[in-house]
């Protein structure tokens, strides 16, 4: 299975959005309706390679300081 490794910006959440989400029981961030802006994307052929690349991307200063995050997403085969 192939994997997509993505480094994204973390969106700030306003205080009123947080309160509204807690009251209604909805998610604060929903990647399907409003994905975070991507900064870097890399593909890997297996999980071991994907995790190795994710660890490397996690050393970036903006990830370590909490302004960005790294995600490993499995890509289902086509067909």
PDB file of N, CA and C in Angstrom:
ATOM      1  N   UNK A   1       0.839  -1.174   0.000  1.00  0.00           N
ATOM      2  CA  UNK A   1       0.000   0.000   0.000  1.00  0.00           C
ATOM      3  C   UNK A   1       0.888   1.242   0.000  1.00  0.00           C
ATOM      4  N   UNK A   2       0.456   2.240  -0.708  1.00  0.00           N
ATOM      5  CA  UNK A   2       1.190   3.501  -0.763  1.00  0.00           C
ATOM      6  C   UNK A   2       0.706   4.434   0.345  1.00  0.00           C
ATOM      7  N   UNK A   3       1.578   5.362   0.726  1.00  0.00           N
ATOM      8  CA  UNK A   3       1.265   6.319   1.777  1.00  0.00           C
ATOM      9  C   UNK A   3       1.622   7.721   1.314  1.00  0.00           C
ATOM     10  N   UNK A   4       0.839   8.676   1.773  1.00  0.00           N
ATOM     11  CA  UNK A   4       1.065  10.084   1.509  1.00  0.00           C
ATOM     12  C   UNK A   4       1.475  10.732   2.820  1.00  0.00           C
ATOM     13  N   UNK A   5       2.612  11.423   2.812  1.00  0.00           N
ATOM     14  CA  UNK A   5       3.084  12.123   3.992  1.00  0.00           C
ATOM     15  C   UNK A   5       2.915  13.613   3.705  1.00  0.00           C
ATOM     16  N   UNK A   6       2.173  14.303   4.573  1.00  0.00           N
ATOM     17  CA  UNK A   6       1.814  15.693   4.326  1.00  0.00           C
ATOM     18  C   UNK A   6       2.210  16.548   5.525  1.00  0.00           C
ATOM     19  N   UNK A   7       2.864  17.670   5.243  1.00  0.00           N
ATOM     20  CA  UNK A   7       3.160  18.665   6.281  1.00  0.00           C
ATOM     21  C   UNK A   7       2.207  19.825   6.060  1.00  0.00           C
ATOM     22  N   UNK A   8       1.397  20.162   7.070  1.00  0.00           N
ATOM     23  CA  UNK A   8       0.363  21.183   6.917  1.00  0.00           C
ATOM     24  C   UNK A   8       0.485  22.269   7.979  1.00  0.00           C
ATOM     25  N   UNK A   9      -0.108  23.416   7.667  1.00  0.00           N
ATOM     26  CA  UNK A   9      -0.234  24.504   8.638  1.00  0.00           C
ATOM     27  C   UNK A   9      -1.366  24.141   9.595  1.00  0.00           C
ATOM     28  N   UNK A  10      -1.246  24.505  10.855  1.00  0.00           N
ATOM     29  CA  UNK A  10      -2.322  24.295  11.814  1.00  0.00           C
ATOM     30  C   UNK A  10      -3.141  25.579  11.867  1.00  0.00           C
ATOM     31  N   UNK A  11      -4.425  25.445  11.564  1.00  0.00           N
ATOM     32  CA  UNK A  11      -5.304  26.608  11.595  1.00  0.00           C
ATOM     33  C   UNK A  11      -5.598  27.009  13.038  1.00  0.00           C
ATOM     34  N   UNK A  12      -5.590  28.295  13.260  1.00  0.00           N
ATOM     35  CA  UNK A  12      -5.970  28.800  14.584  1.00  0.00           C
ATOM     36  C   UNK A  12      -7.486  28.696  14.728  1.00  0.00           C
ATOM     37  N   UNK A  13      -7.939  28.468  15.945  1.00  0.00           N
ATOM     38  CA  UNK A  13      -9.370  28.369  16.228  1.00  0.00           C
ATOM     39  C   UNK A  13      -9.751  29.538  17.123  1.00  0.00           C
ATOM     40  N   UNK A  14     -10.742  30.290  16.685  1.00  0.00           N
ATOM     41  CA  UNK A  14     -11.221  31.417  17.483  1.00  0.00           C
ATOM     42  C   UNK A  14     -11.975  30.906  18.708  1.00  0.00           C
ATOM     43  N   UNK A  15     -11.977  31.718  19.748  1.00  0.00           N
ATOM     44  CA  UNK A  15     -12.617  31.319  21.005  1.00  0.00           C
ATOM     45  C   UNK A  15     -14.104  30.999  20.807  1.00  0.00           C
ATOM     46  N   UNK A  16     -14.808  31.814  20.033  1.00  0.00           N
ATOM     47  CA  UNK A  16     -16.239  31.572  19.819  1.00  0.00           C
ATOM     48  C   UNK A  16     -16.485  30.288  19.021  1.00  0.00           C
ATOM     49  N   UNK A  17     -15.546  29.918  18.121  1.00  0.00           N
ATOM     50  CA  UNK A  17     -15.680  28.653  17.384  1.00  0.00           C
ATOM     51  C   UNK A  17     -15.521  27.463  18.324  1.00  0.00           C
ATOM     52  N   UNK A  18     -14.606  27.580  19.263  1.00  0.00           N
ATOM     53  CA  UNK A  18     -14.381  26.522  20.238  1.00  0.00           C
ATOM     54  C   UNK A  18     -15.614  26.323  21.122  1.00  0.00           C
ATOM     55  N   UNK A  19     -16.175  27.413  21.597  1.00  0.00           N
ATOM     56  CA  UNK A  19     -17.375  27.333  22.447  1.00  0.00           C
ATOM     57  C   UNK A  19     -18.545  26.731  21.667  1.00  0.00           C
ATOM     58  N   UNK A  20     -18.737  27.175  20.424  1.00  0.00           N
ATOM     59  CA  UNK A  20     -19.834  26.651  19.604  1.00  0.00           C
ATOM     60  C   UNK A  20     -19.662  25.160  19.341  1.00  0.00           C
ATOM     61  N   UNK A  21     -18.437  24.714  19.097  1.00  0.00           N
ATOM     62  CA  UNK A  21     -18.186  23.299  18.837  1.00  0.00           C
ATOM     63  C   UNK A  21     -18.475  22.449  20.072  1.00  0.00           C
ATOM     64  N   UNK A  22     -18.110  22.946  21.234  1.00  0.00           N
ATOM     65  CA  UNK A  22     -18.353  22.204  22.473  1.00  0.00           C
ATOM     66  C   UNK A  22     -19.853  22.116  22.740  1.00  0.00           C
ATOM     67  N   UNK A  23     -20.565  23.217  22.535  1.00  0.00           N
ATOM     68  CA  UNK A  23     -22.016  23.226  22.796  1.00  0.00           C
ATOM     69  C   UNK A  23     -22.788  22.298  21.861  1.00  0.00           C
ATOM     70  N   UNK A  24     -22.386  22.278  20.594  1.00  0.00           N
ATOM     71  CA  UNK A  24     -23.130  21.482  19.609  1.00  0.00           C
ATOM     72  C   UNK A  24     -22.587  20.064  19.454  1.00  0.00           C
ATOM     73  N   UNK A  25     -21.398  19.803  20.001  1.00  0.00           N
ATOM     74  CA  UNK A  25     -20.809  18.477  19.882  1.00  0.00           C
ATOM     75  C   UNK A  25     -20.165  18.219  18.526  1.00  0.00           C
ATOM     76  N   UNK A  26     -19.902  19.281  17.779  1.00  0.00           N
ATOM     77  CA  UNK A  26     -19.279  19.137  16.468  1.00  0.00           C
ATOM     78  C   UNK A  26     -17.756  19.204  16.594  1.00  0.00           C
ATOM     79  N   UNK A  27     -17.098  18.803  15.524  1.00  0.00           N
ATOM     80  CA  UNK A  27     -15.646  18.871  15.488  1.00  0.00           C
ATOM     81  C   UNK A  27     -15.200  20.305  15.221  1.00  0.00           C
ATOM     82  N   UNK A  28     -14.070  20.652  15.795  1.00  0.00           N
ATOM     83  CA  UNK A  28     -13.515  21.982  15.559  1.00  0.00           C
ATOM     84  C   UNK A  28     -12.871  22.030  14.182  1.00  0.00           C
ATOM     85  N   UNK A  29     -12.113  21.002  13.859  1.00  0.00           N
ATOM     86  CA  UNK A  29     -11.453  20.922  12.555  1.00  0.00           C
ATOM     87  C   UNK A  29     -11.973  19.685  11.839  1.00  0.00           C
ATOM     88  N   UNK A  30     -12.427  19.864  10.610  1.00  0.00           N
ATOM     89  CA  UNK A  30     -12.898  18.745   9.805  1.00  0.00           C
ATOM     90  C   UNK A  30     -12.142  18.774   8.483  1.00  0.00           C
ATOM     91  N   UNK A  31     -11.224  17.844   8.323  1.00  0.00           N
ATOM     92  CA  UNK A  31     -10.363  17.808   7.137  1.00  0.00           C
ATOM     93  C   UNK A  31     -11.140  17.575   5.847  1.00  0.00           C
ATOM     94  N   UNK A  32     -12.307  16.986   5.931  1.00  0.00           N
ATOM     95  CA  UNK A  32     -13.075  16.701   4.712  1.00  0.00           C
ATOM     96  C   UNK A  32     -13.742  17.947   4.158  1.00  0.00           C
ATOM     97  N   UNK A  33     -14.156  18.860   5.022  1.00  0.00           N
ATOM     98  CA  UNK A  33     -14.835  20.069   4.549  1.00  0.00           C
ATOM     99  C   UNK A  33     -13.886  21.254   4.414  1.00  0.00           C
ATOM    100  N   UNK A  34     -12.886  21.337   5.261  1.00  0.00           N
ATOM    101  CA  UNK A  34     -11.942  22.456   5.216  1.00  0.00           C
ATOM    102  C   UNK A  34     -10.538  21.962   5.581  1.00  0.00           C
ATOM    103  N   UNK A  35      -9.836  21.372   4.611  1.00  0.00           N
ATOM    104  CA  UNK A  35      -8.497  20.840   4.912  1.00  0.00           C
ATOM    105  C   UNK A  35      -7.499  21.952   5.243  1.00  0.00           C
ATOM    106  N   UNK A  36      -6.525  21.609   6.060  1.00  0.00           N
ATOM    107  CA  UNK A  36      -5.477  22.567   6.402  1.00  0.00           C
ATOM    108  C   UNK A  36      -4.578  22.796   5.188  1.00  0.00           C
ATOM    109  N   UNK A  37      -4.036  24.011   5.039  1.00  0.00           N
ATOM    110  CA  UNK A  37      -3.152  24.300   3.896  1.00  0.00           C
ATOM    111  C   UNK A  37      -1.897  23.420   3.932  1.00  0.00           C
ATOM    112  N   UNK A  38      -1.574  22.829   2.797  1.00  0.00           N
ATOM    113  CA  UNK A  38      -0.405  21.946   2.705  1.00  0.00           C
ATOM    114  C   UNK A  38       0.861  22.748   2.462  1.00  0.00           C
ATOM    115  N   UNK A  39       1.944  22.333   3.097  1.00  0.00           N
ATOM    116  CA  UNK A  39       3.257  22.939   2.889  1.00  0.00           C
ATOM    117  C   UNK A  39       4.188  22.024   2.109  1.00  0.00           C
ATOM    118  N   UNK A  40       4.033  20.708   2.312  1.00  0.00           N
ATOM    119  CA  UNK A  40       4.912  19.755   1.648  1.00  0.00           C
ATOM    120  C   UNK A  40       4.201  18.414   1.572  1.00  0.00           C
ATOM    121  N   UNK A  41       4.380  17.716   0.442  1.00  0.00           N
ATOM    122  CA  UNK A  41       3.758  16.414   0.243  1.00  0.00           C
ATOM    123  C   UNK A  41       4.798  15.459  -0.327  1.00  0.00           C
ATOM    124  N   UNK A  42       4.853  14.240   0.238  1.00  0.00           N
ATOM    125  CA  UNK A  42       5.801  13.213  -0.204  1.00  0.00           C
ATOM    126  C   UNK A  42       5.060  11.885  -0.240  1.00  0.00           C
ATOM    127  N   UNK A  43       5.408  11.004  -1.181  1.00  0.00           N
ATOM    128  CA  UNK A  43       4.815   9.663  -1.271  1.00  0.00           C
ATOM    129  C   UNK A  43       5.827   8.609  -0.832  1.00  0.00           C
ATOM    130  N   UNK A  44       5.306   7.505  -0.282  1.00  0.00           N
ATOM    131  CA  UNK A  44       6.144   6.373   0.107  1.00  0.00           C
ATOM    132  C   UNK A  44       5.450   5.086  -0.291  1.00  0.00           C
ATOM    133  N   UNK A  45       6.228   4.061  -0.571  1.00  0.00           N
ATOM    134  CA  UNK A  45       5.702   2.781  -1.034  1.00  0.00           C
ATOM    135  C   UNK A  45       5.251   1.863   0.090  1.00  0.00           C
ATOM    136  N   UNK A  46       5.795   2.043   1.300  1.00  0.00           N
ATOM    137  CA  UNK A  46       5.393   1.181   2.420  1.00  0.00           C
ATOM    138  C   UNK A  46       5.383   1.982   3.714  1.00  0.00           C
ATOM    139  N   UNK A  47       4.834   1.398   4.764  1.00  0.00           N
ATOM    140  CA  UNK A  47       4.671   2.103   6.028  1.00  0.00           C
ATOM    141  C   UNK A  47       6.012   2.458   6.662  1.00  0.00           C
ATOM    142  N   UNK A  48       6.964   1.568   6.565  1.00  0.00           N
ATOM    143  CA  UNK A  48       8.284   1.830   7.152  1.00  0.00           C
ATOM    144  C   UNK A  48       8.920   3.073   6.528  1.00  0.00           C
ATOM    145  N   UNK A  49       8.872   3.173   5.201  1.00  0.00           N
ATOM    146  CA  UNK A  49       9.422   4.342   4.510  1.00  0.00           C
ATOM    147  C   UNK A  49       8.624   5.601   4.844  1.00  0.00           C
ATOM    148  N   UNK A  50       7.302   5.456   4.949  1.00  0.00           N
ATOM    149  CA  UNK A  50       6.446   6.601   5.284  1.00  0.00           C
ATOM    150  C   UNK A  50       6.782   7.143   6.669  1.00  0.00           C
ATOM    151  N   UNK A  51       6.966   6.264   7.630  1.00  0.00           N
ATOM    152  CA  UNK A  51       7.286   6.705   8.987  1.00  0.00           C
ATOM    153  C   UNK A  51       8.670   7.331   9.051  1.00  0.00           C
ATOM    154  N   UNK A  52       9.602   6.809   8.278  1.00  0.00           N
ATOM    155  CA  UNK A  52      10.949   7.386   8.220  1.00  0.00           C
ATOM    156  C   UNK A  52      10.874   8.818   7.679  1.00  0.00           C
ATOM    157  N   UNK A  53      10.121   9.022   6.605  1.00  0.00           N
ATOM    158  CA  UNK A  53       9.957  10.361   6.040  1.00  0.00           C
ATOM    159  C   UNK A  53       9.205  11.283   7.000  1.00  0.00           C
ATOM    160  N   UNK A  54       8.195  10.769   7.681  1.00  0.00           N
ATOM    161  CA  UNK A  54       7.435  11.580   8.638  1.00  0.00           C
ATOM    162  C   UNK A  54       8.329  12.036   9.789  1.00  0.00           C
ATOM    163  N   UNK A  55       9.186  11.151  10.271  1.00  0.00           N
ATOM    164  CA  UNK A  55      10.109  11.542  11.340  1.00  0.00           C
ATOM    165  C   UNK A  55      11.059  12.628  10.857  1.00  0.00           C
ATOM    166  N   UNK A  56      11.513  12.522   9.617  1.00  0.00           N
ATOM    167  CA  UNK A  56      12.412  13.544   9.067  1.00  0.00           C
ATOM    168  C   UNK A  56      11.695  14.892   8.957  1.00  0.00           C
ATOM    169  N   UNK A  57      10.453  14.880   8.486  1.00  0.00           N
ATOM    170  CA  UNK A  57       9.698  16.127   8.365  1.00  0.00           C
ATOM    171  C   UNK A  57       9.354  16.708   9.728  1.00  0.00           C
ATOM    172  N   UNK A  58       9.278  15.866  10.748  1.00  0.00           N
ATOM    173  CA  UNK A  58       8.954  16.337  12.091  1.00  0.00           C
ATOM    174  C   UNK A  58      10.088  17.124  12.742  1.00  0.00           C
ATOM    175  N   UNK A  59      11.271  17.090  12.151  1.00  0.00           N
ATOM    176  CA  UNK A  59      12.397  17.841  12.709  1.00  0.00           C
ATOM    177  C   UNK A  59      12.392  19.300  12.265  1.00  0.00           C
ATOM    178  N   UNK A  60      11.513  19.661  11.342  1.00  0.00           N
ATOM    179  CA  UNK A  60      11.421  21.052  10.881  1.00  0.00           C
ATOM    180  C   UNK A  60      11.001  21.928  12.058  1.00  0.00           C
ATOM    181  N   UNK A  61      11.609  23.088  12.177  1.00  0.00           N
ATOM    182  CA  UNK A  61      11.359  23.968  13.318  1.00  0.00           C
ATOM    183  C   UNK A  61       9.905  24.333  13.520  1.00  0.00           C
ATOM    184  N   UNK A  62       9.174  24.593  12.436  1.00  0.00           N
ATOM    185  CA  UNK A  62       7.768  24.988  12.585  1.00  0.00           C
ATOM    186  C   UNK A  62       6.895  23.831  13.062  1.00  0.00           C
ATOM    187  N   UNK A  63       7.297  22.594  12.790  1.00  0.00           N
ATOM    188  CA  UNK A  63       6.562  21.434  13.313  1.00  0.00           C
ATOM    189  C   UNK A  63       6.873  21.280  14.797  1.00  0.00           C
ATOM    190  N   UNK A  64       8.128  21.414  15.138  1.00  0.00           N
ATOM    191  CA  UNK A  64       8.533  21.268  16.540  1.00  0.00           C
ATOM    192  C   UNK A  64       7.944  22.353  17.424  1.00  0.00           C
ATOM    193  N   UNK A  65       7.699  23.545  16.851  1.00  0.00           N
ATOM    194  CA  UNK A  65       7.142  24.638  17.658  1.00  0.00           C
ATOM    195  C   UNK A  65       5.616  24.622  17.689  1.00  0.00           C
ATOM    196  N   UNK A  66       4.981  23.696  16.933  1.00  0.00           N
ATOM    197  CA  UNK A  66       3.538  23.547  16.991  1.00  0.00           C
ATOM    198  C   UNK A  66       2.750  24.357  15.979  1.00  0.00           C
ATOM    199  N   UNK A  67       3.419  25.007  15.025  1.00  0.00           N
ATOM    200  CA  UNK A  67       2.702  25.768  14.003  1.00  0.00           C
ATOM    201  C   UNK A  67       2.286  24.902  12.821  1.00  0.00           C
ATOM    202  N   UNK A  68       2.942  23.760  12.652  1.00  0.00           N
ATOM    203  CA  UNK A  68       2.626  22.837  11.568  1.00  0.00           C
ATOM    204  C   UNK A  68       2.556  21.425  12.140  1.00  0.00           C
ATOM    205  N   UNK A  69       1.962  20.501  11.350  1.00  0.00           N
ATOM    206  CA  UNK A  69       1.909  19.097  11.772  1.00  0.00           C
ATOM    207  C   UNK A  69       2.218  18.199  10.578  1.00  0.00           C
ATOM    208  N   UNK A  70       2.611  16.972  10.868  1.00  0.00           N
ATOM    209  CA  UNK A  70       2.899  15.972   9.835  1.00  0.00           C
ATOM    210  C   UNK A  70       1.864  14.866   9.955  1.00  0.00           C
ATOM    211  N   UNK A  71       1.291  14.489   8.801  1.00  0.00           N
ATOM    212  CA  UNK A  71       0.265  13.446   8.768  1.00  0.00           C
ATOM    213  C   UNK A  71       0.700  12.347   7.810  1.00  0.00           C
ATOM    214  N   UNK A  72       0.440  11.102   8.166  1.00  0.00           N
ATOM    215  CA  UNK A  72       0.689   9.953   7.303  1.00  0.00           C
ATOM    216  C   UNK A  72      -0.677   9.384   6.927  1.00  0.00           C
ATOM    217  N   UNK A  73      -0.986   9.394   5.628  1.00  0.00           N
ATOM    218  CA  UNK A  73      -2.305   8.991   5.149  1.00  0.00           C
ATOM    219  C   UNK A  73      -2.149   7.807   4.195  1.00  0.00           C
ATOM    220  N   UNK A  74      -2.826   6.670   4.462  1.00  0.00           N
ATOM    221  CA  UNK A  74      -2.770   5.552   3.524  1.00  0.00           C
ATOM    222  C   UNK A  74      -3.566   5.893   2.261  1.00  0.00           C
ATOM    223  N   UNK A  75      -3.029   5.526   1.116  1.00  0.00           N
ATOM    224  CA  UNK A  75      -3.691   5.765  -0.166  1.00  0.00           C
ATOM    225  C   UNK A  75      -4.193   4.421  -0.685  1.00  0.00           C
ATOM    226  N   UNK A  76      -5.506   4.241  -0.786  1.00  0.00           N
ATOM    227  CA  UNK A  76      -6.028   2.954  -1.257  1.00  0.00           C
ATOM    228  C   UNK A  76      -5.676   2.733  -2.726  1.00  0.00           C
ATOM    229  N   UNK A  77      -5.477   1.476  -3.101  1.00  0.00           N
ATOM    230  CA  UNK A  77      -5.163   1.183  -4.499  1.00  0.00           C
ATOM    231  C   UNK A  77      -6.330   1.541  -5.418  1.00  0.00           C
ATOM    232  N   UNK A  78      -5.997   1.937  -6.627  1.00  0.00           N
ATOM    233  CA  UNK A  78      -7.027   2.286  -7.619  1.00  0.00           C
ATOM    234  C   UNK A  78      -7.462   1.022  -8.339  1.00  0.00           C
ATOM    235  N   UNK A  79      -8.757   0.881  -8.486  1.00  0.00           N
ATOM    236  CA  UNK A  79      -9.279  -0.233  -9.271  1.00  0.00           C
ATOM    237  C   UNK A  79      -9.660  -1.367  -8.493  1.00  0.00           C
TER     238      UNK A  79
END
